[in-house]
Amino acid sequence: IQRTKAIAATQGILIKNHKALSSANHLTYVLMDKTGTLTTGQF
């Protein structure tokens, strides 16, 4: 976990709940918000 967090931090991701990491292998759906996530929020 510590090694993963260190690598992720250099990539620009902060891992706060490592328990969720194991889900990465079993995902089916990715739900995304629009404004600010897929779009810039600037008009």
PDB file of all heavy atoms in Angstrom:
ATOM      1  N   ILE A   1       0.839  -1.205   0.000  1.00  0.00           N
ATOM      2  CA  ILE A   1       0.000   0.000   0.000  1.00  0.00           C
ATOM      3  C   ILE A   1       0.868   1.247   0.000  1.00  0.00           C
ATOM      4  O   ILE A   1       0.659   2.177  -0.771  1.00  0.00           O
ATOM      5  CB  ILE A   1      -0.923   0.018   1.244  1.00  0.00           C
ATOM      6  CG1 ILE A   1      -2.000  -1.047   1.106  1.00  0.00           C
ATOM      7  CG2 ILE A   1      -1.566   1.387   1.423  1.00  0.00           C
ATOM      8  CD1 ILE A   1      -2.705  -1.351   2.390  1.00  0.00           C
ATOM      9  N   GLN A   2       1.888   1.234   0.880  1.00  0.00           N
ATOM     10  CA  GLN A   2       2.717   2.432   0.979  1.00  0.00           C
ATOM     11  C   GLN A   2       3.442   2.696  -0.335  1.00  0.00           C
ATOM     12  O   GLN A   2       3.527   3.830  -0.798  1.00  0.00           O
ATOM     13  CB  GLN A   2       3.721   2.299   2.120  1.00  0.00           C
ATOM     14  CG  GLN A   2       4.275   3.658   2.492  1.00  0.00           C
ATOM     15  CD  GLN A   2       5.378   3.575   3.503  1.00  0.00           C
ATOM     16  OE1 GLN A   2       6.147   2.639   3.496  1.00  0.00           O
ATOM     17  NE2 GLN A   2       5.462   4.567   4.371  1.00  0.00           N
ATOM     18  N   ARG A   3       3.932   1.624  -0.942  1.00  0.00           N
ATOM     19  CA  ARG A   3       4.642   1.753  -2.220  1.00  0.00           C
ATOM     20  C   ARG A   3       3.671   2.288  -3.300  1.00  0.00           C
ATOM     21  O   ARG A   3       4.009   3.176  -4.068  1.00  0.00           O
ATOM     22  CB  ARG A   3       5.177   0.367  -2.606  1.00  0.00           C
ATOM     23  CG  ARG A   3       5.953   0.324  -3.877  1.00  0.00           C
ATOM     24  CD  ARG A   3       7.415   0.660  -3.658  1.00  0.00           C
ATOM     25  NE  ARG A   3       8.104   0.719  -4.929  1.00  0.00           N
ATOM     26  CZ  ARG A   3       8.822   1.756  -5.327  1.00  0.00           C
ATOM     27  NH1 ARG A   3       8.947   2.794  -4.548  1.00  0.00           N
ATOM     28  NH2 ARG A   3       9.418   1.753  -6.492  1.00  0.00           N
ATOM     29  N   THR A   4       2.453   1.748  -3.312  1.00  0.00           N
ATOM     30  CA  THR A   4       1.446   2.182  -4.285  1.00  0.00           C
ATOM     31  C   THR A   4       1.135   3.663  -4.104  1.00  0.00           C
ATOM     32  O   THR A   4       1.044   4.417  -5.069  1.00  0.00           O
ATOM     33  CB  THR A   4       0.137   1.375  -4.107  1.00  0.00           C
ATOM     34  OG1 THR A   4       0.467  -0.002  -4.070  1.00  0.00           O
ATOM     35  CG2 THR A   4      -0.840   1.631  -5.240  1.00  0.00           C
ATOM     36  N   LYS A   5       0.964   4.083  -2.838  1.00  0.00           N
ATOM     37  CA  LYS A   5       0.624   5.475  -2.571  1.00  0.00           C
ATOM     38  C   LYS A   5       1.740   6.406  -3.014  1.00  0.00           C
ATOM     39  O   LYS A   5       1.491   7.481  -3.549  1.00  0.00           O
ATOM     40  CB  LYS A   5       0.363   5.670  -1.083  1.00  0.00           C
ATOM     41  CG  LYS A   5      -0.837   4.910  -0.623  1.00  0.00           C
ATOM     42  CD  LYS A   5      -1.278   5.334   0.724  1.00  0.00           C
ATOM     43  CE  LYS A   5      -2.013   6.634   0.640  1.00  0.00           C
ATOM     44  NZ  LYS A   5      -3.118   6.743   1.552  1.00  0.00           N
ATOM     45  N   ALA A   6       2.982   5.970  -2.776  1.00  0.00           N
ATOM     46  CA  ALA A   6       4.128   6.807  -3.152  1.00  0.00           C
ATOM     47  C   ALA A   6       4.170   6.985  -4.669  1.00  0.00           C
ATOM     48  O   ALA A   6       4.363   8.090  -5.176  1.00  0.00           O
ATOM     49  CB  ALA A   6       5.419   6.179  -2.648  1.00  0.00           C
ATOM     50  N   ILE A   7       3.955   5.886  -5.402  1.00  0.00           N
ATOM     51  CA  ILE A   7       3.984   5.959  -6.872  1.00  0.00           C
ATOM     52  C   ILE A   7       2.815   6.814  -7.373  1.00  0.00           C
ATOM     53  O   ILE A   7       2.985   7.688  -8.220  1.00  0.00           O
ATOM     54  CB  ILE A   7       3.922   4.538  -7.495  1.00  0.00           C
ATOM     55  CG1 ILE A   7       5.186   3.752  -7.135  1.00  0.00           C
ATOM     56  CG2 ILE A   7       3.776   4.618  -9.013  1.00  0.00           C
ATOM     57  CD1 ILE A   7       5.109   2.273  -7.482  1.00  0.00           C
ATOM     58  N   ALA A   8       1.616   6.573  -6.804  1.00  0.00           N
ATOM     59  CA  ALA A   8       0.424   7.313  -7.248  1.00  0.00           C
ATOM     60  C   ALA A   8       0.610   8.812  -7.023  1.00  0.00           C
ATOM     61  O   ALA A   8       0.231   9.622  -7.861  1.00  0.00           O
ATOM     62  CB  ALA A   8      -0.806   6.809  -6.497  1.00  0.00           C
ATOM     63  N   ALA A   9       1.237   9.175  -5.895  1.00  0.00           N
ATOM     64  CA  ALA A   9       1.435  10.595  -5.585  1.00  0.00           C
ATOM     65  C   ALA A   9       2.307  11.262  -6.646  1.00  0.00           C
ATOM     66  O   ALA A   9       2.044  12.396  -7.056  1.00  0.00           O
ATOM     67  CB  ALA A   9       2.062  10.745  -4.211  1.00  0.00           C
ATOM     68  N   THR A  10       3.341  10.528  -7.130  1.00  0.00           N
ATOM     69  CA  THR A  10       4.190  11.123  -8.171  1.00  0.00           C
ATOM     70  C   THR A  10       3.402  11.266  -9.475  1.00  0.00           C
ATOM     71  O   THR A  10       3.696  12.126 -10.288  1.00  0.00           O
ATOM     72  CB  THR A  10       5.457  10.281  -8.434  1.00  0.00           C
ATOM     73  OG1 THR A  10       5.044   8.980  -8.877  1.00  0.00           O
ATOM     74  CG2 THR A  10       6.308  10.131  -7.189  1.00  0.00           C
ATOM     75  N   GLN A  11       2.380  10.437  -9.654  1.00  0.00           N
ATOM     76  CA  GLN A  11       1.559  10.534 -10.876  1.00  0.00           C
ATOM     77  C   GLN A  11       0.472  11.599 -10.755  1.00  0.00           C
ATOM     78  O   GLN A  11      -0.188  11.943 -11.730  1.00  0.00           O
ATOM     79  CB  GLN A  11       0.880   9.177 -11.160  1.00  0.00           C
ATOM     80  CG  GLN A  11       1.855   8.085 -11.560  1.00  0.00           C
ATOM     81  CD  GLN A  11       1.149   6.747 -11.748  1.00  0.00           C
ATOM     82  OE1 GLN A  11       0.012   6.562 -11.344  1.00  0.00           O
ATOM     83  NE2 GLN A  11       1.834   5.801 -12.371  1.00  0.00           N
ATOM     84  N   GLY A  12       0.270  12.086  -9.536  1.00  0.00           N
ATOM     85  CA  GLY A  12      -0.750  13.120  -9.356  1.00  0.00           C
ATOM     86  C   GLY A  12      -2.060  12.608  -8.791  1.00  0.00           C
ATOM     87  O   GLY A  12      -3.111  13.207  -8.991  1.00  0.00           O
ATOM     88  N   ILE A  13      -1.999  11.474  -8.078  1.00  0.00           N
ATOM     89  CA  ILE A  13      -3.229  10.955  -7.441  1.00  0.00           C
ATOM     90  C   ILE A  13      -2.958  10.710  -5.958  1.00  0.00           C
ATOM     91  O   ILE A  13      -1.939  10.113  -5.598  1.00  0.00           O
ATOM     92  CB  ILE A  13      -3.678   9.630  -8.104  1.00  0.00           C
ATOM     93  CG1 ILE A  13      -4.350   9.955  -9.440  1.00  0.00           C
ATOM     94  CG2 ILE A  13      -4.621   8.858  -7.217  1.00  0.00           C
ATOM     95  CD1 ILE A  13      -5.603   9.200  -9.740  1.00  0.00           C
ATOM     96  N   LEU A  14      -3.853  11.193  -5.120  1.00  0.00           N
ATOM     97  CA  LEU A  14      -3.742  10.947  -3.678  1.00  0.00           C
ATOM     98  C   LEU A  14      -4.673   9.795  -3.335  1.00  0.00           C
ATOM     99  O   LEU A  14      -5.875   9.887  -3.583  1.00  0.00           O
ATOM    100  CB  LEU A  14      -4.260  12.161  -2.922  1.00  0.00           C
ATOM    101  CG  LEU A  14      -3.285  13.254  -2.536  1.00  0.00           C
ATOM    102  CD1 LEU A  14      -4.014  14.274  -1.681  1.00  0.00           C
ATOM    103  CD2 LEU A  14      -2.122  12.678  -1.750  1.00  0.00           C
ATOM    104  N   ILE A  15      -4.127   8.729  -2.777  1.00  0.00           N
ATOM    105  CA  ILE A  15      -4.980   7.602  -2.382  1.00  0.00           C
ATOM    106  C   ILE A  15      -5.320   7.774  -0.910  1.00  0.00           C
ATOM    107  O   ILE A  15      -4.429   7.876  -0.072  1.00  0.00           O
ATOM    108  CB  ILE A  15      -4.248   6.259  -2.608  1.00  0.00           C
ATOM    109  CG1 ILE A  15      -3.929   6.085  -4.090  1.00  0.00           C
ATOM    110  CG2 ILE A  15      -5.095   5.103  -2.085  1.00  0.00           C
ATOM    111  CD1 ILE A  15      -3.078   4.874  -4.404  1.00  0.00           C
ATOM    112  N   LYS A  16      -6.619   7.828  -0.600  1.00  0.00           N
ATOM    113  CA  LYS A  16      -7.008   8.028   0.782  1.00  0.00           C
ATOM    114  C   LYS A  16      -7.596   6.778   1.405  1.00  0.00           C
ATOM    115  O   LYS A  16      -7.436   6.526   2.575  1.00  0.00           O
ATOM    116  CB  LYS A  16      -8.026   9.164   0.869  1.00  0.00           C
ATOM    117  CG  LYS A  16      -7.404  10.506   0.551  1.00  0.00           C
ATOM    118  CD  LYS A  16      -8.462  11.520   0.245  1.00  0.00           C
ATOM    119  CE  LYS A  16      -9.582  11.387   1.237  1.00  0.00           C
ATOM    120  NZ  LYS A  16     -10.775  12.068   0.803  1.00  0.00           N
ATOM    121  N   ASN A  17      -8.316   6.014   0.614  1.00  0.00           N
ATOM    122  CA  ASN A  17      -8.897   4.783   1.156  1.00  0.00           C
ATOM    123  C   ASN A  17      -8.360   3.608   0.344  1.00  0.00           C
ATOM    124  O   ASN A  17      -8.869   3.299  -0.722  1.00  0.00           O
ATOM    125  CB  ASN A  17     -10.425   4.850   1.072  1.00  0.00           C
ATOM    126  CG  ASN A  17     -11.078   3.556   1.524  1.00  0.00           C
ATOM    127  OD1 ASN A  17     -10.399   2.665   2.044  1.00  0.00           O
ATOM    128  ND2 ASN A  17     -12.362   3.426   1.307  1.00  0.00           N
ATOM    129  N   HIS A  18      -7.317   2.961   0.878  1.00  0.00           N
ATOM    130  CA  HIS A  18      -6.659   1.904   0.094  1.00  0.00           C
ATOM    131  C   HIS A  18      -7.543   0.676  -0.065  1.00  0.00           C
ATOM    132  O   HIS A  18      -7.317  -0.152  -0.935  1.00  0.00           O
ATOM    133  CB  HIS A  18      -5.348   1.501   0.761  1.00  0.00           C
ATOM    134  CG  HIS A  18      -5.560   0.977   2.139  1.00  0.00           C
ATOM    135  ND1 HIS A  18      -5.986  -0.300   2.365  1.00  0.00           N
ATOM    136  CD2 HIS A  18      -5.454   1.555   3.351  1.00  0.00           C
ATOM    137  CE1 HIS A  18      -6.123  -0.476   3.664  1.00  0.00           C
ATOM    138  NE2 HIS A  18      -5.808   0.640   4.286  1.00  0.00           N
ATOM    139  N   LYS A  19      -8.566   0.559   0.774  1.00  0.00           N
ATOM    140  CA  LYS A  19      -9.444  -0.610   0.663  1.00  0.00           C
ATOM    141  C   LYS A  19     -10.122  -0.638  -0.704  1.00  0.00           C
ATOM    142  O   LYS A  19     -10.476  -1.685  -1.214  1.00  0.00           O
ATOM    143  CB  LYS A  19     -10.526  -0.570   1.737  1.00  0.00           C
ATOM    144  CG  LYS A  19     -10.032  -0.982   3.096  1.00  0.00           C
ATOM    145  CD  LYS A  19     -11.190  -1.158   4.031  1.00  0.00           C
ATOM    146  CE  LYS A  19     -10.785  -2.010   5.210  1.00  0.00           C
ATOM    147  NZ  LYS A  19     -11.905  -2.385   6.034  1.00  0.00           N
ATOM    148  N   ALA A  20     -10.329   0.568  -1.258  1.00  0.00           N
ATOM    149  CA  ALA A  20     -11.037   0.645  -2.532  1.00  0.00           C
ATOM    150  C   ALA A  20     -10.165   0.188  -3.698  1.00  0.00           C
ATOM    151  O   ALA A  20     -10.663  -0.101  -4.774  1.00  0.00           O
ATOM    152  CB  ALA A  20     -11.506   2.073  -2.769  1.00  0.00           C
ATOM    153  N   LEU A  21      -8.839   0.121  -3.461  1.00  0.00           N
ATOM    154  CA  LEU A  21      -7.931  -0.218  -4.567  1.00  0.00           C
ATOM    155  C   LEU A  21      -8.248  -1.559  -5.201  1.00  0.00           C
ATOM    156  O   LEU A  21      -8.157  -1.718  -6.413  1.00  0.00           O
ATOM    157  CB  LEU A  21      -6.479  -0.239  -4.075  1.00  0.00           C
ATOM    158  CG  LEU A  21      -5.834   1.118  -3.816  1.00  0.00           C
ATOM    159  CD1 LEU A  21      -4.409   0.941  -3.355  1.00  0.00           C
ATOM    160  CD2 LEU A  21      -5.878   1.982  -5.052  1.00  0.00           C
ATOM    161  N   SER A  22      -8.618  -2.524  -4.363  1.00  0.00           N
ATOM    162  CA  SER A  22      -8.843  -3.864  -4.907  1.00  0.00           C
ATOM    163  C   SER A  22     -10.026  -3.886  -5.875  1.00  0.00           C
ATOM    164  O   SER A  22     -10.144  -4.783  -6.697  1.00  0.00           O
ATOM    165  CB  SER A  22      -9.053  -4.870  -3.771  1.00  0.00           C
ATOM    166  OG  SER A  22     -10.099  -4.410  -2.968  1.00  0.00           O
ATOM    167  N   SER A  23     -10.894  -2.859  -5.789  1.00  0.00           N
ATOM    168  CA  SER A  23     -12.036  -2.801  -6.718  1.00  0.00           C
ATOM    169  C   SER A  23     -11.588  -2.538  -8.146  1.00  0.00           C
ATOM    170  O   SER A  23     -12.322  -2.824  -9.080  1.00  0.00           O
ATOM    171  CB  SER A  23     -13.003  -1.688  -6.313  1.00  0.00           C
ATOM    172  OG  SER A  23     -13.392  -1.865  -4.985  1.00  0.00           O
ATOM    173  N   ALA A  24     -10.404  -1.944  -8.310  1.00  0.00           N
ATOM    174  CA  ALA A  24      -9.942  -1.555  -9.659  1.00  0.00           C
ATOM    175  C   ALA A  24      -9.952  -2.738 -10.626  1.00  0.00           C
ATOM    176  O   ALA A  24     -10.117  -2.567 -11.823  1.00  0.00           O
ATOM    177  CB  ALA A  24      -8.550  -0.946  -9.584  1.00  0.00           C
ATOM    178  N   ASN A  25      -9.784  -3.945 -10.087  1.00  0.00           N
ATOM    179  CA  ASN A  25      -9.734  -5.137 -10.942  1.00  0.00           C
ATOM    180  C   ASN A  25     -11.100  -5.647 -11.361  1.00  0.00           C
ATOM    181  O   ASN A  25     -11.195  -6.484 -12.243  1.00  0.00           O
ATOM    182  CB  ASN A  25      -9.033  -6.276 -10.192  1.00  0.00           C
ATOM    183  CG  ASN A  25      -7.545  -6.185 -10.377  1.00  0.00           C
ATOM    184  OD1 ASN A  25      -7.072  -5.654 -11.378  1.00  0.00           O
ATOM    185  ND2 ASN A  25      -6.804  -6.670  -9.409  1.00  0.00           N
ATOM    186  N   HIS A  26     -12.138  -5.182 -10.673  1.00  0.00           N
ATOM    187  CA  HIS A  26     -13.440  -5.819 -10.895  1.00  0.00           C
ATOM    188  C   HIS A  26     -14.506  -4.827 -11.335  1.00  0.00           C
ATOM    189  O   HIS A  26     -15.690  -5.055 -11.128  1.00  0.00           O
ATOM    190  CB  HIS A  26     -13.892  -6.523  -9.609  1.00  0.00           C
ATOM    191  CG  HIS A  26     -12.809  -7.310  -8.962  1.00  0.00           C
ATOM    192  ND1 HIS A  26     -12.327  -8.485  -9.489  1.00  0.00           N
ATOM    193  CD2 HIS A  26     -12.062  -7.062  -7.848  1.00  0.00           C
ATOM    194  CE1 HIS A  26     -11.348  -8.932  -8.717  1.00  0.00           C
ATOM    195  NE2 HIS A  26     -11.161  -8.088  -7.732  1.00  0.00           N
ATOM    196  N   LEU A  27     -14.099  -3.696 -11.902  1.00  0.00           N
ATOM    197  CA  LEU A  27     -15.081  -2.672 -12.259  1.00  0.00           C
ATOM    198  C   LEU A  27     -15.881  -3.042 -13.509  1.00  0.00           C
ATOM    199  O   LEU A  27     -15.367  -3.702 -14.409  1.00  0.00           O
ATOM    200  CB  LEU A  27     -14.377  -1.336 -12.519  1.00  0.00           C
ATOM    201  CG  LEU A  27     -13.670  -0.709 -11.313  1.00  0.00           C
ATOM    202  CD1 LEU A  27     -12.839   0.480 -11.756  1.00  0.00           C
ATOM    203  CD2 LEU A  27     -14.669  -0.279 -10.247  1.00  0.00           C
ATOM    204  N   THR A  28     -17.131  -2.619 -13.543  1.00  0.00           N
ATOM    205  CA  THR A  28     -17.957  -2.799 -14.738  1.00  0.00           C
ATOM    206  C   THR A  28     -18.377  -1.439 -15.280  1.00  0.00           C
ATOM    207  O   THR A  28     -18.365  -1.202 -16.472  1.00  0.00           O
ATOM    208  CB  THR A  28     -19.241  -3.601 -14.385  1.00  0.00           C
ATOM    209  OG1 THR A  28     -18.857  -4.743 -13.625  1.00  0.00           O
ATOM    210  CG2 THR A  28     -19.971  -4.048 -15.639  1.00  0.00           C
ATOM    211  N   TYR A  29     -18.778  -0.529 -14.362  1.00  0.00           N
ATOM    212  CA  TYR A  29     -19.320   0.760 -14.790  1.00  0.00           C
ATOM    213  C   TYR A  29     -18.453   1.912 -14.297  1.00  0.00           C
ATOM    214  O   TYR A  29     -17.931   1.858 -13.187  1.00  0.00           O
ATOM    215  CB  TYR A  29     -20.731   0.954 -14.219  1.00  0.00           C
ATOM    216  CG  TYR A  29     -21.694  -0.117 -14.642  1.00  0.00           C
ATOM    217  CD1 TYR A  29     -22.060  -1.149 -13.778  1.00  0.00           C
ATOM    218  CD2 TYR A  29     -22.243  -0.114 -15.931  1.00  0.00           C
ATOM    219  CE1 TYR A  29     -22.941  -2.153 -14.169  1.00  0.00           C
ATOM    220  CE2 TYR A  29     -23.127  -1.112 -16.329  1.00  0.00           C
ATOM    221  CZ  TYR A  29     -23.466  -2.123 -15.450  1.00  0.00           C
ATOM    222  OH  TYR A  29     -24.331  -3.105 -15.846  1.00  0.00           O
ATOM    223  N   VAL A  30     -18.353   2.952 -15.117  1.00  0.00           N
ATOM    224  CA  VAL A  30     -17.678   4.181 -14.671  1.00  0.00           C
ATOM    225  C   VAL A  30     -18.676   5.325 -14.836  1.00  0.00           C
ATOM    226  O   VAL A  30     -19.035   5.703 -15.949  1.00  0.00           O
ATOM    227  CB  VAL A  30     -16.394   4.460 -15.485  1.00  0.00           C
ATOM    228  CG1 VAL A  30     -15.727   5.734 -14.992  1.00  0.00           C
ATOM    229  CG2 VAL A  30     -15.431   3.278 -15.374  1.00  0.00           C
ATOM    230  N   LEU A  31     -19.172   5.832 -13.694  1.00  0.00           N
ATOM    231  CA  LEU A  31     -20.132   6.935 -13.718  1.00  0.00           C
ATOM    232  C   LEU A  31     -19.374   8.251 -13.634  1.00  0.00           C
ATOM    233  O   LEU A  31     -18.488   8.394 -12.791  1.00  0.00           O
ATOM    234  CB  LEU A  31     -21.098   6.818 -12.524  1.00  0.00           C
ATOM    235  CG  LEU A  31     -22.359   5.999 -12.764  1.00  0.00           C
ATOM    236  CD1 LEU A  31     -22.022   4.553 -13.078  1.00  0.00           C
ATOM    237  CD2 LEU A  31     -23.288   6.068 -11.568  1.00  0.00           C
ATOM    238  N   MET A  32     -19.714   9.174 -14.526  1.00  0.00           N
ATOM    239  CA  MET A  32     -18.995  10.440 -14.544  1.00  0.00           C
ATOM    240  C   MET A  32     -19.931  11.624 -14.508  1.00  0.00           C
ATOM    241  O   MET A  32     -20.940  11.659 -15.197  1.00  0.00           O
ATOM    242  CB  MET A  32     -18.158  10.548 -15.819  1.00  0.00           C
ATOM    243  CG  MET A  32     -16.892   9.754 -15.745  1.00  0.00           C
ATOM    244  SD  MET A  32     -16.245   9.488 -17.382  1.00  0.00           S
ATOM    245  CE  MET A  32     -17.409   8.317 -18.019  1.00  0.00           C
ATOM    246  N   ASP A  33     -19.534  12.591 -13.704  1.00  0.00           N
ATOM    247  CA  ASP A  33     -20.188  13.865 -13.651  1.00  0.00           C
ATOM    248  C   ASP A  33     -19.776  14.596 -14.936  1.00  0.00           C
ATOM    249  O   ASP A  33     -18.759  14.253 -15.510  1.00  0.00           O
ATOM    250  CB  ASP A  33     -19.572  14.511 -12.410  1.00  0.00           C
ATOM    251  CG  ASP A  33     -20.030  15.884 -12.182  1.00  0.00           C
ATOM    252  OD1 ASP A  33     -21.221  16.100 -12.349  1.00  0.00           O
ATOM    253  OD2 ASP A  33     -19.209  16.742 -11.851  1.00  0.00           O
ATOM    254  N   LYS A  34     -20.570  15.578 -15.392  1.00  0.00           N
ATOM    255  CA  LYS A  34     -20.184  16.266 -16.641  1.00  0.00           C
ATOM    256  C   LYS A  34     -19.311  17.496 -16.388  1.00  0.00           C
ATOM    257  O   LYS A  34     -18.130  17.500 -16.691  1.00  0.00           O
ATOM    258  CB  LYS A  34     -21.429  16.673 -17.441  1.00  0.00           C
ATOM    259  CG  LYS A  34     -21.088  17.412 -18.730  1.00  0.00           C
ATOM    260  CD  LYS A  34     -22.333  17.865 -19.471  1.00  0.00           C
ATOM    261  CE  LYS A  34     -23.087  18.951 -18.758  1.00  0.00           C
ATOM    262  NZ  LYS A  34     -22.423  20.284 -18.765  1.00  0.00           N
ATOM    263  N   THR A  35     -19.951  18.528 -15.779  1.00  0.00           N
ATOM    264  CA  THR A  35     -19.238  19.793 -15.630  1.00  0.00           C
ATOM    265  C   THR A  35     -18.057  19.660 -14.685  1.00  0.00           C
ATOM    266  O   THR A  35     -18.215  19.196 -13.570  1.00  0.00           O
ATOM    267  CB  THR A  35     -20.195  20.877 -15.090  1.00  0.00           C
ATOM    268  OG1 THR A  35     -21.401  20.780 -15.814  1.00  0.00           O
ATOM    269  CG2 THR A  35     -19.598  22.244 -15.249  1.00  0.00           C
ATOM    270  N   GLY A  36     -16.898  20.069 -15.137  1.00  0.00           N
ATOM    271  CA  GLY A  36     -15.714  20.014 -14.281  1.00  0.00           C
ATOM    272  C   GLY A  36     -15.008  18.677 -14.345  1.00  0.00           C
ATOM    273  O   GLY A  36     -13.864  18.539 -13.936  1.00  0.00           O
ATOM    274  N   THR A  37     -15.697  17.643 -14.855  1.00  0.00           N
ATOM    275  CA  THR A  37     -15.059  16.332 -14.975  1.00  0.00           C
ATOM    276  C   THR A  37     -14.713  16.078 -16.439  1.00  0.00           C
ATOM    277  O   THR A  37     -13.551  15.956 -16.809  1.00  0.00           O
ATOM    278  CB  THR A  37     -15.986  15.220 -14.434  1.00  0.00           C
ATOM    279  OG1 THR A  37     -16.290  15.510 -13.066  1.00  0.00           O
ATOM    280  CG2 THR A  37     -15.299  13.867 -14.493  1.00  0.00           C
ATOM    281  N   LEU A  38     -15.748  16.018 -17.280  1.00  0.00           N
ATOM    282  CA  LEU A  38     -15.518  15.816 -18.726  1.00  0.00           C
ATOM    283  C   LEU A  38     -15.408  17.154 -19.450  1.00  0.00           C
ATOM    284  O   LEU A  38     -14.837  17.239 -20.534  1.00  0.00           O
ATOM    285  CB  LEU A  38     -16.659  14.999 -19.333  1.00  0.00           C
ATOM    286  CG  LEU A  38     -16.751  13.551 -18.854  1.00  0.00           C
ATOM    287  CD1 LEU A  38     -18.014  12.905 -19.375  1.00  0.00           C
ATOM    288  CD2 LEU A  38     -15.529  12.746 -19.277  1.00  0.00           C
ATOM    289  N   THR A  39     -15.992  18.199 -18.832  1.00  0.00           N
ATOM    290  CA  THR A  39     -15.911  19.524 -19.457  1.00  0.00           C
ATOM    291  C   THR A  39     -15.142  20.457 -18.537  1.00  0.00           C
ATOM    292  O   THR A  39     -14.961  20.159 -17.360  1.00  0.00           O
ATOM    293  CB  THR A  39     -17.321  20.097 -19.703  1.00  0.00           C
ATOM    294  OG1 THR A  39     -17.968  20.235 -18.442  1.00  0.00           O
ATOM    295  CG2 THR A  39     -18.137  19.196 -20.598  1.00  0.00           C
ATOM    296  N   THR A  40     -14.721  21.600 -19.062  1.00  0.00           N
ATOM    297  CA  THR A  40     -13.861  22.489 -18.274  1.00  0.00           C
ATOM    298  C   THR A  40     -14.637  23.333 -17.277  1.00  0.00           C
ATOM    299  O   THR A  40     -14.082  23.842 -16.323  1.00  0.00           O
ATOM    300  CB  THR A  40     -13.108  23.460 -19.201  1.00  0.00           C
ATOM    301  OG1 THR A  40     -14.084  24.198 -19.936  1.00  0.00           O
ATOM    302  CG2 THR A  40     -12.201  22.735 -20.155  1.00  0.00           C
ATOM    303  N   GLY A  41     -15.958  23.503 -17.515  1.00  0.00           N
ATOM    304  CA  GLY A  41     -16.731  24.384 -16.636  1.00  0.00           C
ATOM    305  C   GLY A  41     -16.597  25.842 -17.088  1.00  0.00           C
ATOM    306  O   GLY A  41     -17.158  26.747 -16.490  1.00  0.00           O
ATOM    307  N   GLN A  42     -15.811  26.074 -18.152  1.00  0.00           N
ATOM    308  CA  GLN A  42     -15.720  27.425 -18.709  1.00  0.00           C
ATOM    309  C   GLN A  42     -16.590  27.476 -19.965  1.00  0.00           C
ATOM    310  O   GLN A  42     -16.546  26.556 -20.771  1.00  0.00           O
ATOM    311  CB  GLN A  42     -14.280  27.759 -19.092  1.00  0.00           C
ATOM    312  CG  GLN A  42     -13.560  28.457 -17.975  1.00  0.00           C
ATOM    313  CD  GLN A  42     -12.314  27.683 -17.582  1.00  0.00           C
ATOM    314  OE1 GLN A  42     -11.704  27.062 -18.418  1.00  0.00           O
ATOM    315  NE2 GLN A  42     -11.962  27.726 -16.318  1.00  0.00           N
ATOM    316  N   PHE A  43     -17.338  28.555 -20.101  1.00  0.00           N
ATOM    317  CA  PHE A  43     -18.286  28.613 -21.217  1.00  0.00           C
ATOM    318  C   PHE A  43     -17.678  29.300 -22.437  1.00  0.00           C
ATOM    319  O   PHE A  43     -17.343  30.467 -22.398  1.00  0.00           O
ATOM    320  CB  PHE A  43     -19.578  29.287 -20.763  1.00  0.00           C
ATOM    321  CG  PHE A  43     -20.368  28.368 -19.909  1.00  0.00           C
ATOM    322  CD1 PHE A  43     -20.037  28.177 -18.572  1.00  0.00           C
ATOM    323  CD2 PHE A  43     -21.386  27.606 -20.442  1.00  0.00           C
ATOM    324  CE1 PHE A  43     -20.725  27.274 -17.794  1.00  0.00           C
ATOM    325  CE2 PHE A  43     -22.087  26.698 -19.668  1.00  0.00           C
ATOM    326  CZ  PHE A  43     -21.756  26.535 -18.347  1.00  0.00           C
TER     327      PHE A  43
END
